Structures are given as structure tokens and as C-alpha cells.
Amino acid sequence: MRAYQFSSSAPLEGVYGAAIGIEQVERDAGQPGPGAVQVAVKANALNFVDLITLQGAFPVDGRIPLLDGAGEVIAVGDGVTRFAVGDRVVANPHANWLAGPPTPDTTGLVLGIMADGMLAETVTLAESMLVHLPDAISFTQGASLPCAGLSAWSSLVGGPSRYSVAPGSTVLTQGTGGVSLFAVQFAKAMGCRVIATTSTAAKAERLKALGADHVINYNERPDWGVAVLELTGGIGADLVVEVGGPNTLPQSIIAAKVGGRIAMVGIVGGMGSIDFMQMLPINHKVLTLYANGMGNRQDLVDMLRFVEANAIEPVIDSTFTFDQAADAYRHFASRGHIGKVLITHPA
């Protein structure tokens, strides 16, 4: 079967900062052993962590890339009880985190980084690493959900404290990447008021179409944290889904209400440092900042049920074929996309 693997010998051209690349290879699919499930992958999705991986953040040479993938079960090993041939499935990116709070033992194995990922025609995974994909969710939609969707979901109803937003809460999102768009869609379905930031009028219209109540152009309002306070009568946001990192965190702190929460999801705004004086309001406002590392298998099951029940349609920016995987990486790295960038496999 065909698969892609990371290669340190040829950095991927057209991706800024890439220290390694990907190459298509032939691998023996083999047969699933006891407790294992073999899946014909139908679709994959790219995430920001996949770009960080190309920059050499992790030792991945020779491994199969990508956290996200959905497909159909084609064989099961002895002792498998949760799946049968023909079942539609998605992989849980945190392969060993099944339920409950994170521990060193449960969060140490992430597909596409610490172990082979999903960018292959066929993958064989432990039964525990998979969940059923509801019939109402397509393979392409399903592939888009585990990393970005689960990160948004855990920001709103999960996280280390099992915090959950309530109807009427104000949620602030940033930009038009996968996590932020899912956060808009999920928060609106939960009855929240959503304020979103973005960079252009066109992107603002897309956010409003998804349900955002207010959109702030951060190029026009670099002090968008103050703009959030103005929109909320000086109160601020109950929850900030922080994806930008050090370049956006100071404004997120301003935007959050007293006693509010900031879910630290990503660093898409780039690396950098923060003046400690800009962090002092965390104490004054008694804010809770928590790192969001996607979620566990039960979180993934709960999110998929929520997506199905609320007929939420993931925003798909573009689709590439399996042979165009390198082009998919380049398009994703160009930062011109709105929503998810997918890779589909031949039928």
C-alpha cells in the first residue's frame, strides 16, 4: 500500500521554515494482530501542528504524518469487539487517552508525531484508538474534526477543569482557522454570544454567516481587546479561545472578563515573548488560563454526537488528492485558507 513518510533528506519546498519533507513510499499493509483494526483511509485533514512538525519540532523521520483521518474498517484482529468490517471510523489523535483527566501515560502518544499517523492508504491501529463515525457525517467532514474540532470542543466544554460554557455566555474567537471556526459553530449551537476577530472584510462576512454576533477587524482595531470590552458594556468575554500565542495573548487578557477563562490552544501567530507587566492583569482579573491539548476518546465521541445532533457542517476550504499531499501542505502553509484543508483518497 502507498503511504507518505517524513524524510529529513529533502525539506518540503514551498513551506517556509520546513526542515524536513514528506515522500511517498510503498509499505506492506500486513494483517491486523490481536486487538487491532485495519482501516482503509478515505480522507485526511491538515492542522497547524503538522506544519510545526515539518519545522523539526519533533523527531519524526520515517514516520507516517498527520493526526487526522477517517475511513472504513477492512479487517479486524482476534479479540476485537467494538468494530466490524464495514464500520466507518475516525482516529483519536491522543491514541492512549481514553477518558478522564490527562496523565503522563495517557497523553504521551500522538498520532503523526510520536507514532505513525494517518496519511496512508491503509492504517492498522489498536481498537482503542478508534471511534465510530456517525452516518450523518461524511468521511471528509469526519477527517476534519478530531484535532481542530476537539480542540474547540474542549475549550468550550472540557479542559482540565471540565469547565462548560452556559447559554448566554460571551465567547471570543480569533481568526478563521479550523479551531476558531469550529468554536464559532459550537458556541452558537450552545446558545452563546460570539465575538470573533479577523483581518479582512471578506473573512468577517464568512464569520457572520457562521453565526458570529460581532466581528472585529484587528487591522482596523489593533486594540481589539478594548473593542471587546466596548461590545460587552465593559464586562468582557467569559471565555477566550486563544490560538494566536504570545502576539495575541496580551489583548486576550484585556478582553477577558473578571473571573473569565482563556483556553490556550495554539501559536498560529508565531513564537515570541511577553512582557511580564502585560501578564499582571491575570492576577487582577483572577483569570484562569489553561492549556488545551485536544481531548480524550470520550470527548471525541461526545463531540461527534453533538455535531450530528446539531447538523454542524465543518467549513472545508479545499480538497487535494492523495498524490497532491505536498501541494496540500503548501496551500495550508500559505495561510490563505478559510477552514479545513483536506486530502482525499481514491474510492
Protein backbone atom coordinates (compact mmCIF):
# COMPACT_ATOMS: atom_id res chain seq x y z
CA MET A 1 0.00 0.00 0.00
CA ARG A 2 1.04 3.59 -0.57
CA ALA A 3 1.90 5.86 2.31
CA TYR A 4 3.77 9.07 3.00
CA GLN A 5 6.60 9.27 5.47
CA PHE A 6 8.68 12.10 6.87
CA SER A 7 12.10 12.49 5.26
CA SER A 8 14.89 14.59 6.72
CA SER A 9 16.86 14.35 3.47
CA ALA A 10 14.59 16.68 1.47
CA PRO A 11 12.79 19.59 3.21
CA LEU A 12 9.40 20.29 1.62
CA GLU A 13 9.82 23.10 -0.90
CA GLY A 14 7.37 25.96 -0.67
CA VAL A 15 6.79 25.63 3.08
CA TYR A 16 8.57 28.38 5.00
CA GLY A 17 10.82 27.05 7.73
CA ALA A 18 10.47 23.40 6.73
CA ALA A 19 13.41 21.34 7.98
CA ILE A 20 12.03 18.02 6.75
CA GLY A 21 9.74 16.85 3.97
CA ILE A 22 7.37 14.06 3.03
CA GLU A 23 7.88 11.32 0.46
CA GLN A 24 5.51 8.73 -0.96
CA VAL A 25 6.62 5.14 -0.33
CA GLU A 26 5.33 1.59 -0.62
CA ARG A 27 4.73 -0.27 2.64
CA ASP A 28 3.39 -3.69 3.48
CA ALA A 29 -0.10 -3.28 4.91
CA GLY A 30 0.09 -6.65 6.64
CA GLN A 31 -2.77 -8.08 8.68
CA PRO A 32 -4.14 -6.76 11.97
CA GLY A 33 -2.88 -8.61 15.01
CA PRO A 34 -4.85 -9.34 18.18
CA GLY A 35 -6.84 -6.31 19.31
CA ALA A 36 -6.00 -4.33 16.16
CA VAL A 37 -8.19 -2.87 13.42
CA GLN A 38 -7.18 -2.22 9.80
CA VAL A 39 -8.73 0.82 8.15
CA ALA A 40 -8.89 1.94 4.53
CA VAL A 41 -8.35 5.68 4.92
CA LYS A 42 -10.79 7.82 2.94
CA ALA A 43 -9.76 11.35 3.96
CA ASN A 44 -7.21 13.32 5.99
CA ALA A 45 -7.05 16.89 7.27
CA LEU A 46 -4.12 19.21 7.94
CA ASN A 47 -3.58 21.12 11.18
CA PHE A 48 -1.11 23.73 12.38
CA VAL A 49 0.77 21.11 14.38
CA ASP A 50 1.57 19.39 11.08
CA LEU A 51 3.48 22.50 9.98
CA ILE A 52 5.33 22.66 13.29
CA THR A 53 6.31 19.04 12.76
CA LEU A 54 7.79 19.90 9.35
CA GLN A 55 9.88 22.57 11.05
CA GLY A 56 11.66 19.87 13.02
CA ALA A 57 9.92 20.31 16.36
CA PHE A 58 9.76 16.54 16.91
CA PRO A 59 11.95 13.55 15.92
CA VAL A 60 9.68 12.04 13.26
CA ASP A 61 11.98 10.85 10.45
CA GLY A 62 10.46 7.80 8.77
CA ARG A 63 7.06 8.07 10.45
CA ILE A 64 3.74 8.49 8.64
CA PRO A 65 2.39 12.07 9.01
CA LEU A 66 -0.96 13.56 10.10
CA LEU A 67 -3.11 13.28 13.18
CA ASP A 68 -6.45 13.38 11.38
CA GLY A 69 -8.01 10.64 9.31
CA ALA A 70 -11.32 8.88 8.69
CA GLY A 71 -12.03 5.65 6.88
CA GLU A 72 -13.68 2.25 6.72
CA VAL A 73 -12.75 -0.90 8.61
CA ILE A 74 -11.50 -3.60 6.23
CA ALA A 75 -10.15 -6.19 8.69
CA VAL A 76 -10.10 -6.87 12.43
CA GLY A 77 -7.76 -8.94 14.56
CA ASP A 78 -8.63 -11.56 17.14
CA GLY A 79 -10.38 -10.24 20.22
CA VAL A 80 -11.75 -7.05 18.63
CA THR A 81 -15.26 -6.38 19.96
CA ARG A 82 -16.04 -2.72 19.21
CA PHE A 83 -15.69 -2.79 15.41
CA ALA A 84 -16.57 -4.95 12.43
CA VAL A 85 -15.66 -4.88 8.75
CA GLY A 86 -17.56 -2.05 7.04
CA ASP A 87 -17.74 0.24 10.07
CA ARG A 88 -16.98 3.92 9.50
CA VAL A 89 -14.37 5.26 11.92
CA VAL A 90 -12.14 8.18 12.87
CA ALA A 91 -8.90 8.02 14.82
CA ASN A 92 -8.41 9.63 18.22
CA PRO A 93 -5.22 11.77 17.91
CA HIS A 94 -4.29 11.16 21.57
CA ALA A 95 -4.07 7.45 20.94
CA ASN A 96 -3.94 6.29 24.59
CA TRP A 97 -6.10 8.96 26.26
CA LEU A 98 -9.44 7.19 26.56
CA ALA A 99 -11.25 9.11 29.33
CA GLY A 100 -10.72 11.20 32.43
CA PRO A 101 -8.04 13.83 33.10
CA PRO A 102 -4.70 13.77 31.28
CA THR A 103 -1.77 11.86 32.77
CA PRO A 104 1.80 11.26 31.57
CA ASP A 105 0.78 7.77 30.50
CA THR A 106 -2.29 8.83 28.51
CA THR A 107 -1.04 11.90 26.63
CA GLY A 108 2.39 10.73 25.50
CA LEU A 109 1.34 9.09 22.22
CA VAL A 110 0.04 11.40 19.48
CA LEU A 111 -0.57 10.00 16.01
CA GLY A 112 1.59 11.52 13.29
CA ILE A 113 4.20 12.67 15.82
CA MET A 114 5.13 10.01 18.38
CA ALA A 115 3.69 7.19 16.26
CA ASP A 116 2.73 6.59 12.64
CA GLY A 117 -0.13 8.83 11.59
CA MET A 118 -2.97 8.63 9.09
CA LEU A 119 -1.53 9.73 5.72
CA ALA A 120 -1.58 6.27 4.16
CA GLU A 121 -3.97 4.23 2.07
CA THR A 122 -4.29 1.72 4.91
CA VAL A 123 -3.53 2.04 8.62
CA THR A 124 -3.62 -0.55 11.39
CA LEU A 125 -4.39 0.75 14.86
CA ALA A 126 -5.30 -0.64 18.24
CA GLU A 127 -9.05 -0.95 18.66
CA SER A 128 -8.91 1.58 21.50
CA MET A 129 -7.56 4.29 19.16
CA LEU A 130 -10.72 4.48 17.04
CA VAL A 131 -14.29 5.72 17.44
CA HIS A 132 -17.37 5.21 15.30
CA LEU A 133 -18.18 7.94 12.77
CA PRO A 134 -21.92 8.75 12.75
CA ASP A 135 -23.67 8.04 9.44
CA ALA A 136 -24.72 11.69 9.07
CA ILE A 137 -21.07 12.82 8.99
CA SER A 138 -19.15 12.19 5.76
CA PHE A 139 -15.60 10.86 5.66
CA THR A 140 -14.27 14.30 4.66
CA GLN A 141 -16.21 16.00 7.43
CA GLY A 142 -15.13 13.34 9.90
CA ALA A 143 -11.47 13.75 8.97
CA SER A 144 -11.69 17.48 9.67
CA LEU A 145 -12.95 17.08 13.23
CA PRO A 146 -10.55 15.21 15.57
CA CYS A 147 -7.74 17.74 16.09
CA ALA A 148 -9.32 21.13 15.36
CA GLY A 149 -12.87 20.24 16.33
CA LEU A 150 -11.81 18.52 19.52
CA SER A 151 -9.60 21.47 20.48
CA ALA A 152 -12.57 23.81 20.09
CA TRP A 153 -14.88 21.40 21.91
CA SER A 154 -12.55 21.01 24.87
CA SER A 155 -12.17 24.79 25.11
CA LEU A 156 -15.93 25.14 25.47
CA VAL A 157 -16.97 22.10 27.49
CA GLY A 158 -13.80 20.32 28.53
CA GLY A 159 -10.31 21.26 29.57
CA PRO A 160 -8.59 20.22 32.79
CA SER A 161 -11.36 21.70 34.93
CA ARG A 162 -14.24 20.25 32.89
CA TYR A 163 -15.46 23.84 32.56
CA SER A 164 -18.54 24.33 30.40
CA VAL A 165 -19.90 27.50 28.87
CA ALA A 166 -23.54 28.28 29.61
CA PRO A 167 -26.17 29.66 27.25
CA GLY A 168 -25.75 33.42 27.10
CA SER A 169 -22.00 33.29 27.76
CA THR A 170 -19.79 35.50 25.62
CA VAL A 171 -17.11 33.60 23.71
CA LEU A 172 -14.26 35.34 21.88
CA THR A 173 -12.59 33.59 18.93
CA GLN A 174 -9.58 34.55 16.82
CA GLY A 175 -9.26 34.29 13.06
CA THR A 176 -10.61 31.79 10.54
CA GLY A 177 -8.53 28.68 11.16
CA GLY A 178 -10.09 25.32 11.87
CA VAL A 179 -10.22 25.59 15.67
CA SER A 180 -11.69 29.09 15.61
CA LEU A 181 -14.40 28.26 13.06
CA PHE A 182 -15.46 25.17 15.00
CA ALA A 183 -15.50 27.28 18.17
CA VAL A 184 -17.89 29.74 16.49
CA GLN A 185 -20.18 26.95 15.30
CA PHE A 186 -20.16 25.01 18.56
CA ALA A 187 -20.62 28.09 20.76
CA LYS A 188 -23.60 29.31 18.74
CA ALA A 189 -25.19 25.85 18.91
CA MET A 190 -24.75 26.06 22.71
CA GLY A 191 -26.60 29.37 22.84
CA CYS A 192 -23.58 31.61 23.37
CA ARG A 193 -22.88 35.10 22.12
CA VAL A 194 -19.82 35.01 19.84
CA ILE A 195 -17.37 37.83 19.15
CA ALA A 196 -14.76 36.99 16.52
CA THR A 197 -11.63 38.75 15.32
CA THR A 198 -10.30 38.60 11.78
CA SER A 199 -8.19 40.51 9.26
CA THR A 200 -10.43 41.29 6.26
CA ALA A 201 -13.99 42.26 5.41
CA ALA A 202 -14.41 39.10 3.34
CA LYS A 203 -13.43 36.89 6.26
CA ALA A 204 -15.73 38.90 8.51
CA GLU A 205 -18.66 38.04 6.25
CA ARG A 206 -17.79 34.34 6.43
CA LEU A 207 -17.73 34.52 10.21
CA LYS A 208 -21.08 36.29 10.33
CA ALA A 209 -22.54 33.64 8.03
CA LEU A 210 -21.46 31.01 10.56
CA GLY A 211 -23.28 32.88 13.30
CA ALA A 212 -20.77 35.28 14.86
CA ASP A 213 -22.70 38.10 16.53
CA HIS A 214 -19.89 40.64 16.22
CA VAL A 215 -16.68 40.64 14.18
CA ILE A 216 -13.70 42.90 14.91
CA ASN A 217 -11.13 43.61 12.19
CA TYR A 218 -7.87 43.56 14.13
CA ASN A 219 -6.09 45.51 11.40
CA GLU A 220 -8.53 48.36 11.99
CA ARG A 221 -8.61 47.82 15.76
CA PRO A 222 -5.18 46.68 16.98
CA ASP A 223 -6.63 47.24 20.46
CA TRP A 224 -9.29 44.61 19.80
CA GLY A 225 -9.28 43.65 23.47
CA VAL A 226 -10.68 47.10 24.23
CA ALA A 227 -13.19 46.67 21.40
CA VAL A 228 -14.47 43.50 23.09
CA LEU A 229 -14.95 45.44 26.32
CA GLU A 230 -16.89 48.09 24.41
CA LEU A 231 -19.17 45.46 22.86
CA THR A 232 -19.86 43.91 26.27
CA GLY A 233 -20.53 47.07 28.23
CA GLY A 234 -17.13 46.93 29.90
CA ILE A 235 -17.59 43.36 31.17
CA GLY A 236 -15.51 41.29 28.74
CA ALA A 237 -15.68 37.74 27.42
CA ASP A 238 -16.48 34.75 29.62
CA LEU A 239 -14.15 32.59 27.52
CA VAL A 240 -11.38 33.44 25.06
CA VAL A 241 -10.31 30.69 22.65
CA GLU A 242 -6.68 31.80 22.32
CA VAL A 243 -5.00 30.42 19.19
CA GLY A 244 -2.51 33.17 18.35
CA GLY A 245 0.04 32.76 21.12
CA PRO A 246 2.33 35.44 22.56
CA ASN A 247 1.38 38.03 19.93
CA THR A 248 -2.32 37.92 20.82
CA LEU A 249 -2.36 36.91 24.48
CA PRO A 250 -1.97 40.45 25.89
CA GLN A 251 -5.14 41.57 24.06
CA SER A 252 -6.92 38.37 25.10
CA ILE A 253 -6.15 39.22 28.73
CA ILE A 254 -7.68 42.67 28.22
CA ALA A 255 -10.74 41.15 26.51
CA ALA A 256 -11.49 38.58 29.23
CA LYS A 257 -13.92 39.43 31.99
CA VAL A 258 -13.06 39.36 35.69
CA GLY A 259 -13.10 35.70 36.65
CA GLY A 260 -13.02 34.70 32.99
CA ARG A 261 -11.12 31.94 31.25
CA ILE A 262 -8.58 31.78 28.45
CA ALA A 263 -8.16 28.44 26.68
CA MET A 264 -4.61 28.30 25.34
CA VAL A 265 -4.94 26.32 22.11
CA GLY A 266 -2.23 27.35 19.66
CA ILE A 267 0.55 29.64 18.48
CA VAL A 268 -0.51 30.34 14.91
CA GLY A 269 0.58 33.97 15.37
CA GLY A 270 4.18 32.86 15.74
CA MET A 271 6.69 32.49 18.54
CA GLY A 272 7.72 35.38 20.76
CA SER A 273 8.00 36.66 24.29
CA ILE A 274 5.61 38.53 26.56
CA ASP A 275 6.45 41.43 28.85
CA PHE A 276 5.65 40.30 32.37
CA MET A 277 3.88 43.61 33.00
CA GLN A 278 1.33 42.58 30.36
CA MET A 279 0.57 39.48 32.42
CA LEU A 280 -0.26 41.31 35.65
CA PRO A 281 -3.97 41.69 34.79
CA ILE A 282 -4.26 37.90 35.05
CA ASN A 283 -3.97 38.33 38.82
CA HIS A 284 -6.07 41.48 38.97
CA LYS A 285 -8.87 39.83 36.98
CA VAL A 286 -8.46 36.44 38.68
CA LEU A 287 -8.31 34.81 35.26
CA THR A 288 -7.94 31.09 34.61
CA LEU A 289 -5.53 30.21 31.79
CA TYR A 290 -5.38 26.57 30.79
CA ALA A 291 -3.58 24.67 28.07
CA ASN A 292 -5.86 22.76 25.75
CA GLY A 293 -4.39 19.56 24.33
CA MET A 294 -7.35 18.42 22.22
CA GLY A 295 -9.18 15.84 24.35
CA ASN A 296 -9.71 12.18 25.15
CA ARG A 297 -11.61 9.48 23.28
CA GLN A 298 -14.83 10.08 25.20
CA ASP A 299 -14.59 13.79 24.37
CA LEU A 300 -14.30 12.83 20.69
CA VAL A 301 -17.39 10.61 20.92
CA ASP A 302 -19.35 13.38 22.67
CA MET A 303 -18.28 15.97 20.09
CA LEU A 304 -19.27 13.77 17.14
CA ARG A 305 -22.70 13.22 18.68
CA PHE A 306 -23.06 16.98 19.17
CA VAL A 307 -22.05 17.67 15.56
CA GLU A 308 -24.58 15.11 14.33
CA ALA A 309 -27.40 16.31 16.60
CA ASN A 310 -26.91 19.96 15.62
CA ALA A 311 -26.27 19.28 11.90
CA ILE A 312 -23.00 21.23 12.07
CA GLU A 313 -21.13 21.25 8.77
CA PRO A 314 -17.36 21.74 9.00
CA VAL A 315 -16.04 24.56 6.84
CA ILE A 316 -13.95 23.00 4.06
CA ASP A 317 -11.54 25.32 2.27
CA SER A 318 -10.09 22.95 -0.32
CA THR A 319 -9.53 19.31 -1.18
CA PHE A 320 -6.43 17.68 -2.64
CA THR A 321 -5.88 14.14 -3.89
CA PHE A 322 -3.59 11.66 -2.15
CA ASP A 323 -0.93 12.24 -4.81
CA GLN A 324 -1.18 16.01 -4.19
CA ALA A 325 -0.37 15.77 -0.47
CA ALA A 326 2.70 18.01 -0.80
CA ASP A 327 0.55 20.65 -2.53
CA ALA A 328 -1.95 20.41 0.31
CA TYR A 329 0.84 21.18 2.79
CA ARG A 330 1.96 24.14 0.68
CA HIS A 331 -1.55 25.56 0.42
CA PHE A 332 -2.08 25.16 4.14
CA ALA A 333 1.26 26.83 4.87
CA SER A 334 0.36 29.81 2.65
CA ARG A 335 -2.19 30.84 5.33
CA GLY A 336 -4.72 31.85 2.67
CA HIS A 337 -7.27 29.19 3.60
CA ILE A 338 -10.55 29.65 5.46
CA GLY A 339 -11.47 26.37 7.12
CA LYS A 340 -10.02 22.92 6.68
CA VAL A 341 -7.61 21.71 4.00
CA LEU A 342 -8.31 18.06 3.16
CA ILE A 343 -6.66 15.17 1.36
CA THR A 344 -8.96 12.56 -0.17
CA HIS A 345 -8.13 9.02 -1.22
CA PRO A 346 -9.28 7.11 -4.33
CA ALA A 347 -12.58 5.28 -3.87
